[in-house]
Amino acid sequence: MLRLVGAGAVAVPAVAVLASCAEDDTVHAPDPLAAHEVLARADAAAATAAIALAPQAQAALTTVATERTAHADALRAEIDRVIGVYGDGTTPVHRTGVVTVPGSDGAPVPAADLVSAAQQPISVEQLRARLQHSQQAAATLARTESGYRAGLLASISAACATEAGVLLS
């Protein structure tokens, strides 16, 4: 009887350990910052593409592209920090659903649609509207986050407002 109980005491934890090592098929909701990373990269690409239509504004458009790329990199660093890093420097596999971004009417739009559209040259006025949209979206999400994440989004919102209202005016 004691042998049976002893074997069971060893078997139950062993099964639990083996089950935890199995591949996780859970699909997580995307990090809320992921949509803003996509918006930032799309805005940077749109600013670079806008140089073709407004070469006289190249300096301002290059500044916008550089700043929005820095925003995207900061957002990606925060997303990666939350997911975590293994001791060997790799990140865990973290399957997520489709990343959507808030559209101009507030409805979610797949991020892939926004990225492909950002490669087409647009006018400075259209880029200004994109930046104002990004500013509003970041401000809205900042109100729902806390700590560093709220501060990061608020800073991005302020930068977008400055880019749209000062650099591109």
N, C-alpha and C. Protein backbone atom coordinates (compact mmCIF):
# COMPACT_ATOMS: atom_id res chain seq x y z
N MET A 1 0.81 -1.18 0.00
CA MET A 1 0.00 0.00 0.00
C MET A 1 0.87 1.27 0.00
N LEU A 2 1.91 1.27 0.82
CA LEU A 2 2.79 2.43 0.88
C LEU A 2 3.52 2.64 -0.44
N ARG A 3 3.91 1.54 -1.11
CA ARG A 3 4.56 1.66 -2.41
C ARG A 3 3.63 2.31 -3.43
N LEU A 4 2.38 1.93 -3.42
CA LEU A 4 1.40 2.49 -4.35
C LEU A 4 1.20 3.98 -4.10
N VAL A 5 1.08 4.38 -2.84
CA VAL A 5 0.91 5.78 -2.50
C VAL A 5 2.17 6.56 -2.87
N GLY A 6 3.34 5.98 -2.61
CA GLY A 6 4.61 6.63 -2.94
C GLY A 6 4.76 6.83 -4.44
N ALA A 7 4.38 5.83 -5.23
CA ALA A 7 4.45 5.94 -6.68
C ALA A 7 3.49 7.01 -7.18
N GLY A 8 2.33 7.09 -6.57
CA GLY A 8 1.36 8.11 -6.97
C GLY A 8 1.84 9.50 -6.63
N ALA A 9 2.53 9.63 -5.50
CA ALA A 9 3.05 10.94 -5.09
C ALA A 9 4.11 11.44 -6.06
N VAL A 10 4.85 10.52 -6.68
CA VAL A 10 5.87 10.90 -7.65
C VAL A 10 5.24 11.09 -9.03
N ALA A 11 4.27 10.30 -9.37
CA ALA A 11 3.67 10.34 -10.71
C ALA A 11 2.87 11.61 -10.96
N VAL A 12 2.12 12.08 -9.98
CA VAL A 12 1.28 13.26 -10.18
C VAL A 12 2.13 14.49 -10.51
N PRO A 13 3.18 14.81 -9.74
CA PRO A 13 4.01 15.97 -10.12
C PRO A 13 4.72 15.77 -11.46
N ALA A 14 5.11 14.56 -11.76
CA ALA A 14 5.79 14.30 -13.03
C ALA A 14 4.86 14.58 -14.20
N VAL A 15 3.61 14.17 -14.09
CA VAL A 15 2.64 14.42 -15.15
C VAL A 15 2.40 15.93 -15.28
N ALA A 16 2.34 16.63 -14.17
CA ALA A 16 2.14 18.08 -14.20
C ALA A 16 3.31 18.78 -14.88
N VAL A 17 4.52 18.36 -14.59
CA VAL A 17 5.70 18.96 -15.21
C VAL A 17 5.70 18.68 -16.71
N LEU A 18 5.40 17.46 -17.11
CA LEU A 18 5.37 17.13 -18.53
C LEU A 18 4.27 17.90 -19.25
N ALA A 19 3.14 18.08 -18.61
CA ALA A 19 2.05 18.82 -19.24
C ALA A 19 2.43 20.29 -19.42
N SER A 20 3.17 20.84 -18.47
CA SER A 20 3.55 22.24 -18.60
C SER A 20 4.60 22.44 -19.68
N CYS A 21 5.34 21.39 -20.03
CA CYS A 21 6.35 21.47 -21.08
C CYS A 21 5.73 21.34 -22.47
N ALA A 22 4.50 20.88 -22.53
CA ALA A 22 3.84 20.73 -23.83
C ALA A 22 3.67 22.10 -24.46
N GLU A 23 3.61 22.14 -25.77
CA GLU A 23 3.47 23.41 -26.49
C GLU A 23 2.16 24.08 -26.13
N ASP A 24 2.24 25.36 -25.84
CA ASP A 24 1.06 26.14 -25.46
C ASP A 24 0.36 26.61 -26.73
N ASP A 25 -0.89 26.20 -26.92
CA ASP A 25 -1.65 26.58 -28.10
C ASP A 25 -2.56 27.78 -27.83
N THR A 26 -2.38 28.43 -26.71
CA THR A 26 -3.21 29.56 -26.36
C THR A 26 -2.91 30.73 -27.29
N VAL A 27 -3.97 31.32 -27.80
CA VAL A 27 -3.83 32.54 -28.61
C VAL A 27 -4.23 33.70 -27.71
N HIS A 28 -3.25 34.54 -27.40
CA HIS A 28 -3.47 35.67 -26.49
C HIS A 28 -3.98 36.87 -27.27
N ALA A 29 -4.66 37.74 -26.58
CA ALA A 29 -5.05 39.02 -27.19
C ALA A 29 -3.77 39.82 -27.41
N PRO A 30 -3.68 40.55 -28.51
CA PRO A 30 -2.47 41.35 -28.73
C PRO A 30 -2.31 42.41 -27.65
N ASP A 31 -1.08 42.73 -27.36
CA ASP A 31 -0.79 43.81 -26.42
C ASP A 31 -1.40 45.09 -26.98
N PRO A 32 -2.05 45.90 -26.17
CA PRO A 32 -2.65 47.14 -26.68
C PRO A 32 -1.64 48.08 -27.34
N LEU A 33 -0.38 47.98 -26.94
CA LEU A 33 0.64 48.84 -27.53
C LEU A 33 1.01 48.40 -28.94
N ALA A 34 0.70 47.16 -29.32
CA ALA A 34 1.07 46.65 -30.64
C ALA A 34 0.43 47.47 -31.75
N ALA A 35 -0.80 47.87 -31.57
CA ALA A 35 -1.48 48.69 -32.58
C ALA A 35 -0.77 50.03 -32.75
N HIS A 36 -0.27 50.57 -31.66
CA HIS A 36 0.41 51.87 -31.74
C HIS A 36 1.81 51.73 -32.34
N GLU A 37 2.42 50.58 -32.15
CA GLU A 37 3.69 50.32 -32.84
C GLU A 37 3.45 50.31 -34.35
N VAL A 38 2.39 49.64 -34.78
CA VAL A 38 2.06 49.59 -36.21
C VAL A 38 1.75 50.99 -36.73
N LEU A 39 0.97 51.77 -35.98
CA LEU A 39 0.66 53.14 -36.39
C LEU A 39 1.95 53.96 -36.54
N ALA A 40 2.86 53.81 -35.61
CA ALA A 40 4.11 54.58 -35.65
C ALA A 40 4.95 54.19 -36.86
N ARG A 41 5.06 52.89 -37.14
CA ARG A 41 5.85 52.46 -38.30
C ARG A 41 5.18 52.90 -39.61
N ALA A 42 3.86 52.85 -39.65
CA ALA A 42 3.14 53.29 -40.85
C ALA A 42 3.28 54.79 -41.04
N ASP A 43 3.22 55.55 -39.96
CA ASP A 43 3.41 57.01 -40.06
C ASP A 43 4.82 57.33 -40.54
N ALA A 44 5.82 56.60 -40.06
CA ALA A 44 7.20 56.82 -40.49
C ALA A 44 7.35 56.53 -41.98
N ALA A 45 6.74 55.43 -42.43
CA ALA A 45 6.80 55.09 -43.86
C ALA A 45 6.05 56.13 -44.69
N ALA A 46 4.92 56.59 -44.20
CA ALA A 46 4.15 57.61 -44.92
C ALA A 46 4.92 58.94 -45.00
N ALA A 47 5.62 59.30 -43.93
CA ALA A 47 6.41 60.54 -43.95
C ALA A 47 7.55 60.43 -44.96
N THR A 48 8.17 59.28 -45.02
CA THR A 48 9.24 59.07 -46.00
C THR A 48 8.68 59.11 -47.41
N ALA A 49 7.53 58.49 -47.62
CA ALA A 49 6.92 58.48 -48.95
C ALA A 49 6.44 59.88 -49.35
N ALA A 50 6.05 60.70 -48.39
CA ALA A 50 5.54 62.04 -48.68
C ALA A 50 6.63 62.96 -49.24
N ILE A 51 7.87 62.62 -49.04
CA ILE A 51 8.97 63.44 -49.57
C ILE A 51 8.88 63.53 -51.09
N ALA A 52 8.38 62.46 -51.74
CA ALA A 52 8.24 62.48 -53.20
C ALA A 52 7.30 63.57 -53.68
N LEU A 53 6.26 63.86 -52.91
CA LEU A 53 5.29 64.89 -53.30
C LEU A 53 5.61 66.26 -52.74
N ALA A 54 6.44 66.32 -51.70
CA ALA A 54 6.77 67.61 -51.08
C ALA A 54 8.26 67.67 -50.76
N PRO A 55 9.11 67.71 -51.79
CA PRO A 55 10.55 67.72 -51.52
C PRO A 55 11.00 68.97 -50.73
N GLN A 56 10.24 70.06 -50.79
CA GLN A 56 10.59 71.26 -50.05
C GLN A 56 10.45 71.05 -48.54
N ALA A 57 9.70 70.04 -48.13
CA ALA A 57 9.50 69.74 -46.70
C ALA A 57 10.32 68.53 -46.26
N GLN A 58 11.36 68.21 -46.99
CA GLN A 58 12.14 67.00 -46.70
C GLN A 58 12.68 66.98 -45.28
N ALA A 59 13.20 68.08 -44.79
CA ALA A 59 13.77 68.11 -43.44
C ALA A 59 12.71 67.77 -42.39
N ALA A 60 11.55 68.41 -42.49
CA ALA A 60 10.48 68.16 -41.52
C ALA A 60 9.96 66.73 -41.64
N LEU A 61 9.80 66.24 -42.86
CA LEU A 61 9.29 64.89 -43.07
C LEU A 61 10.29 63.84 -42.58
N THR A 62 11.57 64.10 -42.76
CA THR A 62 12.60 63.18 -42.27
C THR A 62 12.59 63.16 -40.73
N THR A 63 12.39 64.31 -40.12
CA THR A 63 12.30 64.37 -38.65
C THR A 63 11.10 63.57 -38.16
N VAL A 64 9.96 63.73 -38.83
CA VAL A 64 8.77 62.97 -38.45
C VAL A 64 9.04 61.47 -38.58
N ALA A 65 9.63 61.06 -39.68
CA ALA A 65 9.92 59.64 -39.90
C ALA A 65 10.86 59.10 -38.82
N THR A 66 11.87 59.86 -38.49
CA THR A 66 12.83 59.43 -37.46
C THR A 66 12.17 59.32 -36.09
N GLU A 67 11.37 60.33 -35.73
CA GLU A 67 10.70 60.30 -34.43
C GLU A 67 9.68 59.17 -34.34
N ARG A 68 8.91 58.97 -35.41
CA ARG A 68 7.90 57.91 -35.36
C ARG A 68 8.56 56.53 -35.33
N THR A 69 9.71 56.38 -35.96
CA THR A 69 10.45 55.12 -35.86
C THR A 69 10.94 54.90 -34.43
N ALA A 70 11.41 55.96 -33.79
CA ALA A 70 11.82 55.86 -32.39
C ALA A 70 10.64 55.50 -31.49
N HIS A 71 9.46 56.04 -31.79
CA HIS A 71 8.27 55.68 -31.02
C HIS A 71 7.97 54.19 -31.18
N ALA A 72 8.02 53.71 -32.41
CA ALA A 72 7.75 52.29 -32.66
C ALA A 72 8.75 51.41 -31.93
N ASP A 73 10.02 51.80 -31.94
CA ASP A 73 11.04 51.01 -31.25
C ASP A 73 10.81 51.00 -29.74
N ALA A 74 10.42 52.13 -29.17
CA ALA A 74 10.14 52.20 -27.73
C ALA A 74 8.93 51.34 -27.37
N LEU A 75 7.90 51.38 -28.20
CA LEU A 75 6.72 50.54 -27.96
C LEU A 75 7.07 49.06 -28.06
N ARG A 76 7.89 48.68 -29.05
CA ARG A 76 8.30 47.28 -29.20
C ARG A 76 9.12 46.84 -28.00
N ALA A 77 9.99 47.69 -27.49
CA ALA A 77 10.79 47.35 -26.31
C ALA A 77 9.90 47.10 -25.10
N GLU A 78 8.85 47.90 -24.94
CA GLU A 78 7.94 47.72 -23.81
C GLU A 78 7.13 46.43 -23.98
N ILE A 79 6.68 46.14 -25.19
CA ILE A 79 5.94 44.90 -25.44
C ILE A 79 6.83 43.70 -25.13
N ASP A 80 8.07 43.74 -25.59
CA ASP A 80 9.00 42.64 -25.33
C ASP A 80 9.30 42.50 -23.85
N ARG A 81 9.39 43.61 -23.14
CA ARG A 81 9.64 43.56 -21.70
C ARG A 81 8.51 42.84 -20.98
N VAL A 82 7.28 43.12 -21.39
CA VAL A 82 6.13 42.48 -20.75
C VAL A 82 6.08 40.98 -21.05
N ILE A 83 6.42 40.62 -22.28
CA ILE A 83 6.43 39.19 -22.65
C ILE A 83 7.53 38.47 -21.90
N GLY A 84 8.67 39.11 -21.73
CA GLY A 84 9.78 38.52 -21.00
C GLY A 84 10.86 38.00 -21.92
N VAL A 85 12.00 37.70 -21.33
CA VAL A 85 13.15 37.19 -22.06
C VAL A 85 13.72 36.02 -21.27
N TYR A 86 14.07 34.95 -21.95
CA TYR A 86 14.72 33.81 -21.30
C TYR A 86 16.15 34.17 -20.95
N GLY A 87 16.77 33.37 -20.11
CA GLY A 87 18.15 33.60 -19.70
C GLY A 87 19.14 33.63 -20.85
N ASP A 88 18.83 32.94 -21.95
CA ASP A 88 19.76 32.93 -23.10
C ASP A 88 19.51 34.10 -24.06
N GLY A 89 18.59 35.00 -23.70
CA GLY A 89 18.34 36.18 -24.52
C GLY A 89 17.21 36.03 -25.53
N THR A 90 16.64 34.85 -25.65
CA THR A 90 15.53 34.66 -26.58
C THR A 90 14.22 35.00 -25.89
N THR A 91 13.21 35.28 -26.69
CA THR A 91 11.90 35.57 -26.14
C THR A 91 11.00 34.36 -26.31
N PRO A 92 10.06 34.18 -25.42
CA PRO A 92 9.15 33.04 -25.54
C PRO A 92 8.20 33.21 -26.73
N VAL A 93 7.74 32.09 -27.22
CA VAL A 93 6.72 32.13 -28.27
C VAL A 93 5.44 32.58 -27.60
N HIS A 94 4.87 33.61 -28.13
CA HIS A 94 3.67 34.21 -27.54
C HIS A 94 2.70 34.46 -28.69
N ARG A 95 1.89 33.46 -28.99
CA ARG A 95 0.96 33.59 -30.12
C ARG A 95 -0.13 34.59 -29.77
N THR A 96 -0.36 35.52 -30.70
CA THR A 96 -1.40 36.52 -30.48
C THR A 96 -2.36 36.53 -31.65
N GLY A 97 -3.50 37.10 -31.41
CA GLY A 97 -4.49 37.27 -32.47
C GLY A 97 -4.07 38.38 -33.42
N VAL A 98 -4.93 38.68 -34.36
CA VAL A 98 -4.66 39.70 -35.36
C VAL A 98 -4.60 41.07 -34.70
N VAL A 99 -3.57 41.82 -35.02
CA VAL A 99 -3.43 43.17 -34.49
C VAL A 99 -4.29 44.10 -35.34
N THR A 100 -5.13 44.86 -34.66
CA THR A 100 -5.96 45.85 -35.35
C THR A 100 -5.60 47.23 -34.82
N VAL A 101 -5.79 48.22 -35.66
CA VAL A 101 -5.54 49.60 -35.27
C VAL A 101 -6.85 50.37 -35.38
N PRO A 102 -7.00 51.39 -34.57
CA PRO A 102 -8.23 52.18 -34.67
C PRO A 102 -8.26 52.95 -35.99
N GLY A 103 -9.31 52.76 -36.76
CA GLY A 103 -9.46 53.46 -38.03
C GLY A 103 -9.89 54.90 -37.80
N SER A 104 -9.98 55.67 -38.87
CA SER A 104 -10.35 57.08 -38.75
C SER A 104 -11.76 57.25 -38.19
N ASP A 105 -12.62 56.24 -38.40
CA ASP A 105 -13.98 56.31 -37.86
C ASP A 105 -14.11 55.62 -36.51
N GLY A 106 -12.98 55.14 -35.97
CA GLY A 106 -12.99 54.46 -34.67
C GLY A 106 -13.12 52.96 -34.76
N ALA A 107 -13.54 52.44 -35.91
CA ALA A 107 -13.68 50.99 -36.07
C ALA A 107 -12.30 50.36 -36.26
N PRO A 108 -12.10 49.14 -35.72
CA PRO A 108 -10.80 48.50 -35.87
C PRO A 108 -10.52 48.09 -37.33
N VAL A 109 -9.28 48.31 -37.74
CA VAL A 109 -8.82 47.99 -39.09
C VAL A 109 -7.63 47.06 -38.95
N PRO A 110 -7.54 45.97 -39.73
CA PRO A 110 -6.36 45.10 -39.63
C PRO A 110 -5.08 45.89 -39.91
N ALA A 111 -4.07 45.65 -39.09
CA ALA A 111 -2.81 46.39 -39.21
C ALA A 111 -2.16 46.21 -40.57
N ALA A 112 -2.31 45.04 -41.18
CA ALA A 112 -1.71 44.78 -42.49
C ALA A 112 -2.23 45.75 -43.54
N ASP A 113 -3.50 46.13 -43.46
CA ASP A 113 -4.08 47.08 -44.41
C ASP A 113 -3.42 48.45 -44.27
N LEU A 114 -3.17 48.87 -43.06
CA LEU A 114 -2.57 50.18 -42.81
C LEU A 114 -1.13 50.22 -43.29
N VAL A 115 -0.38 49.15 -43.05
CA VAL A 115 1.03 49.10 -43.44
C VAL A 115 1.17 49.14 -44.96
N SER A 116 0.35 48.41 -45.69
CA SER A 116 0.46 48.40 -47.15
C SER A 116 0.07 49.76 -47.73
N ALA A 117 -0.89 50.44 -47.14
CA ALA A 117 -1.32 51.75 -47.63
C ALA A 117 -0.28 52.83 -47.35
N ALA A 118 0.56 52.64 -46.33
CA ALA A 118 1.53 53.66 -45.94
C ALA A 118 2.66 53.82 -46.94
N GLN A 119 2.83 52.89 -47.86
CA GLN A 119 3.93 52.96 -48.81
C GLN A 119 3.64 53.93 -49.97
N GLN A 120 2.39 54.32 -50.14
CA GLN A 120 2.01 55.21 -51.23
C GLN A 120 2.28 56.66 -50.83
N PRO A 121 2.85 57.47 -51.75
CA PRO A 121 3.09 58.88 -51.42
C PRO A 121 1.79 59.60 -51.10
N ILE A 122 1.83 60.40 -50.04
CA ILE A 122 0.68 61.18 -49.64
C ILE A 122 1.11 62.64 -49.47
N SER A 123 0.14 63.52 -49.42
CA SER A 123 0.45 64.94 -49.24
C SER A 123 0.79 65.22 -47.78
N VAL A 124 1.36 66.36 -47.54
CA VAL A 124 1.68 66.78 -46.18
C VAL A 124 0.39 66.92 -45.36
N GLU A 125 -0.67 67.39 -45.99
CA GLU A 125 -1.95 67.53 -45.28
C GLU A 125 -2.49 66.16 -44.86
N GLN A 126 -2.37 65.18 -45.73
CA GLN A 126 -2.81 63.82 -45.38
C GLN A 126 -1.96 63.25 -44.25
N LEU A 127 -0.65 63.50 -44.29
CA LEU A 127 0.22 63.04 -43.21
C LEU A 127 -0.14 63.74 -41.91
N ARG A 128 -0.43 65.02 -41.97
CA ARG A 128 -0.85 65.75 -40.77
C ARG A 128 -2.10 65.11 -40.16
N ALA A 129 -3.06 64.74 -41.01
CA ALA A 129 -4.28 64.07 -40.53
C ALA A 129 -3.95 62.72 -39.90
N ARG A 130 -3.03 61.98 -40.50
CA ARG A 130 -2.61 60.69 -39.93
C ARG A 130 -2.00 60.89 -38.54
N LEU A 131 -1.14 61.90 -38.43
CA LEU A 131 -0.49 62.16 -37.14
C LEU A 131 -1.49 62.60 -36.09
N GLN A 132 -2.48 63.39 -36.49
CA GLN A 132 -3.52 63.79 -35.55
C GLN A 132 -4.33 62.58 -35.08
N HIS A 133 -4.57 61.66 -36.00
CA HIS A 133 -5.27 60.42 -35.64
C HIS A 133 -4.42 59.59 -34.67
N SER A 134 -3.14 59.47 -34.95
CA SER A 134 -2.23 58.73 -34.06
C SER A 134 -2.15 59.39 -32.70
N GLN A 135 -2.15 60.72 -32.68
CA GLN A 135 -2.11 61.46 -31.43
C GLN A 135 -3.35 61.17 -30.59
N GLN A 136 -4.51 61.21 -31.22
CA GLN A 136 -5.76 60.94 -30.49
C GLN A 136 -5.81 59.49 -29.99
N ALA A 137 -5.39 58.55 -30.83
CA ALA A 137 -5.41 57.13 -30.45
C ALA A 137 -4.49 56.87 -29.26
N ALA A 138 -3.29 57.47 -29.27
CA ALA A 138 -2.35 57.29 -28.16
C ALA A 138 -2.89 57.93 -26.89
N ALA A 139 -3.49 59.10 -27.00
CA ALA A 139 -4.07 59.78 -25.83
C ALA A 139 -5.21 58.95 -25.23
N THR A 140 -6.03 58.38 -26.09
CA THR A 140 -7.16 57.57 -25.61
C THR A 140 -6.66 56.35 -24.85
N LEU A 141 -5.66 55.65 -25.40
CA LEU A 141 -5.14 54.46 -24.72
C LEU A 141 -4.38 54.84 -23.45
N ALA A 142 -3.70 55.98 -23.45
CA ALA A 142 -2.95 56.40 -22.26
C ALA A 142 -3.87 56.52 -21.05
N ARG A 143 -5.11 56.90 -21.27
CA ARG A 143 -6.06 57.04 -20.16
C ARG A 143 -6.43 55.70 -19.54
N THR A 144 -6.23 54.60 -20.28
CA THR A 144 -6.59 53.29 -19.75
C THR A 144 -5.40 52.53 -19.18
N GLU A 145 -4.20 53.00 -19.45
CA GLU A 145 -2.98 52.34 -18.96
C GLU A 145 -2.52 53.02 -17.67
N SER A 146 -1.47 52.47 -17.08
CA SER A 146 -0.92 53.09 -15.87
C SER A 146 0.60 53.05 -15.92
N GLY A 147 1.21 53.83 -15.07
CA GLY A 147 2.66 53.82 -14.92
C GLY A 147 3.40 54.20 -16.19
N TYR A 148 4.47 53.46 -16.43
CA TYR A 148 5.35 53.74 -17.56
C TYR A 148 4.59 53.71 -18.89
N ARG A 149 3.71 52.74 -19.04
CA ARG A 149 2.98 52.59 -20.31
C ARG A 149 2.12 53.83 -20.58
N ALA A 150 1.45 54.35 -19.57
CA ALA A 150 0.64 55.56 -19.73
C ALA A 150 1.53 56.75 -20.09
N GLY A 151 2.68 56.85 -19.43
CA GLY A 151 3.60 57.95 -19.72
C GLY A 151 4.17 57.86 -21.12
N LEU A 152 4.50 56.64 -21.56
CA LEU A 152 5.02 56.44 -22.91
C LEU A 152 3.99 56.88 -23.95
N LEU A 153 2.76 56.43 -23.77
CA LEU A 153 1.70 56.80 -24.72
C LEU A 153 1.41 58.30 -24.69
N ALA A 154 1.42 58.90 -23.51
CA ALA A 154 1.19 60.35 -23.41
C ALA A 154 2.30 61.12 -24.10
N SER A 155 3.53 60.65 -23.95
CA SER A 155 4.66 61.29 -24.61
C SER A 155 4.55 61.18 -26.13
N ILE A 156 4.15 60.01 -26.60
CA ILE A 156 3.96 59.80 -28.04
C ILE A 156 2.83 60.69 -28.55
N SER A 157 1.76 60.80 -27.79
CA SER A 157 0.64 61.66 -28.18
C SER A 157 1.09 63.11 -28.30
N ALA A 158 1.88 63.57 -27.33
CA ALA A 158 2.37 64.95 -27.37
C ALA A 158 3.31 65.16 -28.56
N ALA A 159 4.15 64.18 -28.84
CA ALA A 159 5.07 64.30 -29.98
C ALA A 159 4.30 64.36 -31.30
N CYS A 160 3.27 63.53 -31.44
CA CYS A 160 2.46 63.55 -32.66
C CYS A 160 1.76 64.90 -32.83
N ALA A 161 1.27 65.45 -31.72
CA ALA A 161 0.62 66.77 -31.78
C ALA A 161 1.61 67.84 -32.21
N THR A 162 2.83 67.76 -31.72
CA THR A 162 3.86 68.72 -32.10
C THR A 162 4.26 68.55 -33.56
N GLU A 163 4.40 67.32 -33.98
CA GLU A 163 4.76 67.06 -35.39
C GLU A 163 3.68 67.60 -36.33
N ALA A 164 2.42 67.33 -36.00
CA ALA A 164 1.32 67.78 -36.87
C ALA A 164 1.11 69.28 -36.79
N GLY A 165 1.22 69.84 -35.60
CA GLY A 165 0.91 71.26 -35.42
C GLY A 165 2.05 72.21 -35.64
N VAL A 166 3.29 71.75 -35.48
CA VAL A 166 4.43 72.64 -35.61
C VAL A 166 5.29 72.28 -36.82
N LEU A 167 5.76 71.04 -36.85
CA LEU A 167 6.66 70.65 -37.94
C LEU A 167 6.01 70.71 -39.32
N LEU A 168 4.76 70.32 -39.41
CA LEU A 168 4.10 70.23 -40.71
C LEU A 168 3.15 71.39 -40.98
N SER A 169 3.26 72.46 -40.23
CA SER A 169 2.34 73.57 -40.47
C SER A 169 2.92 74.55 -41.47
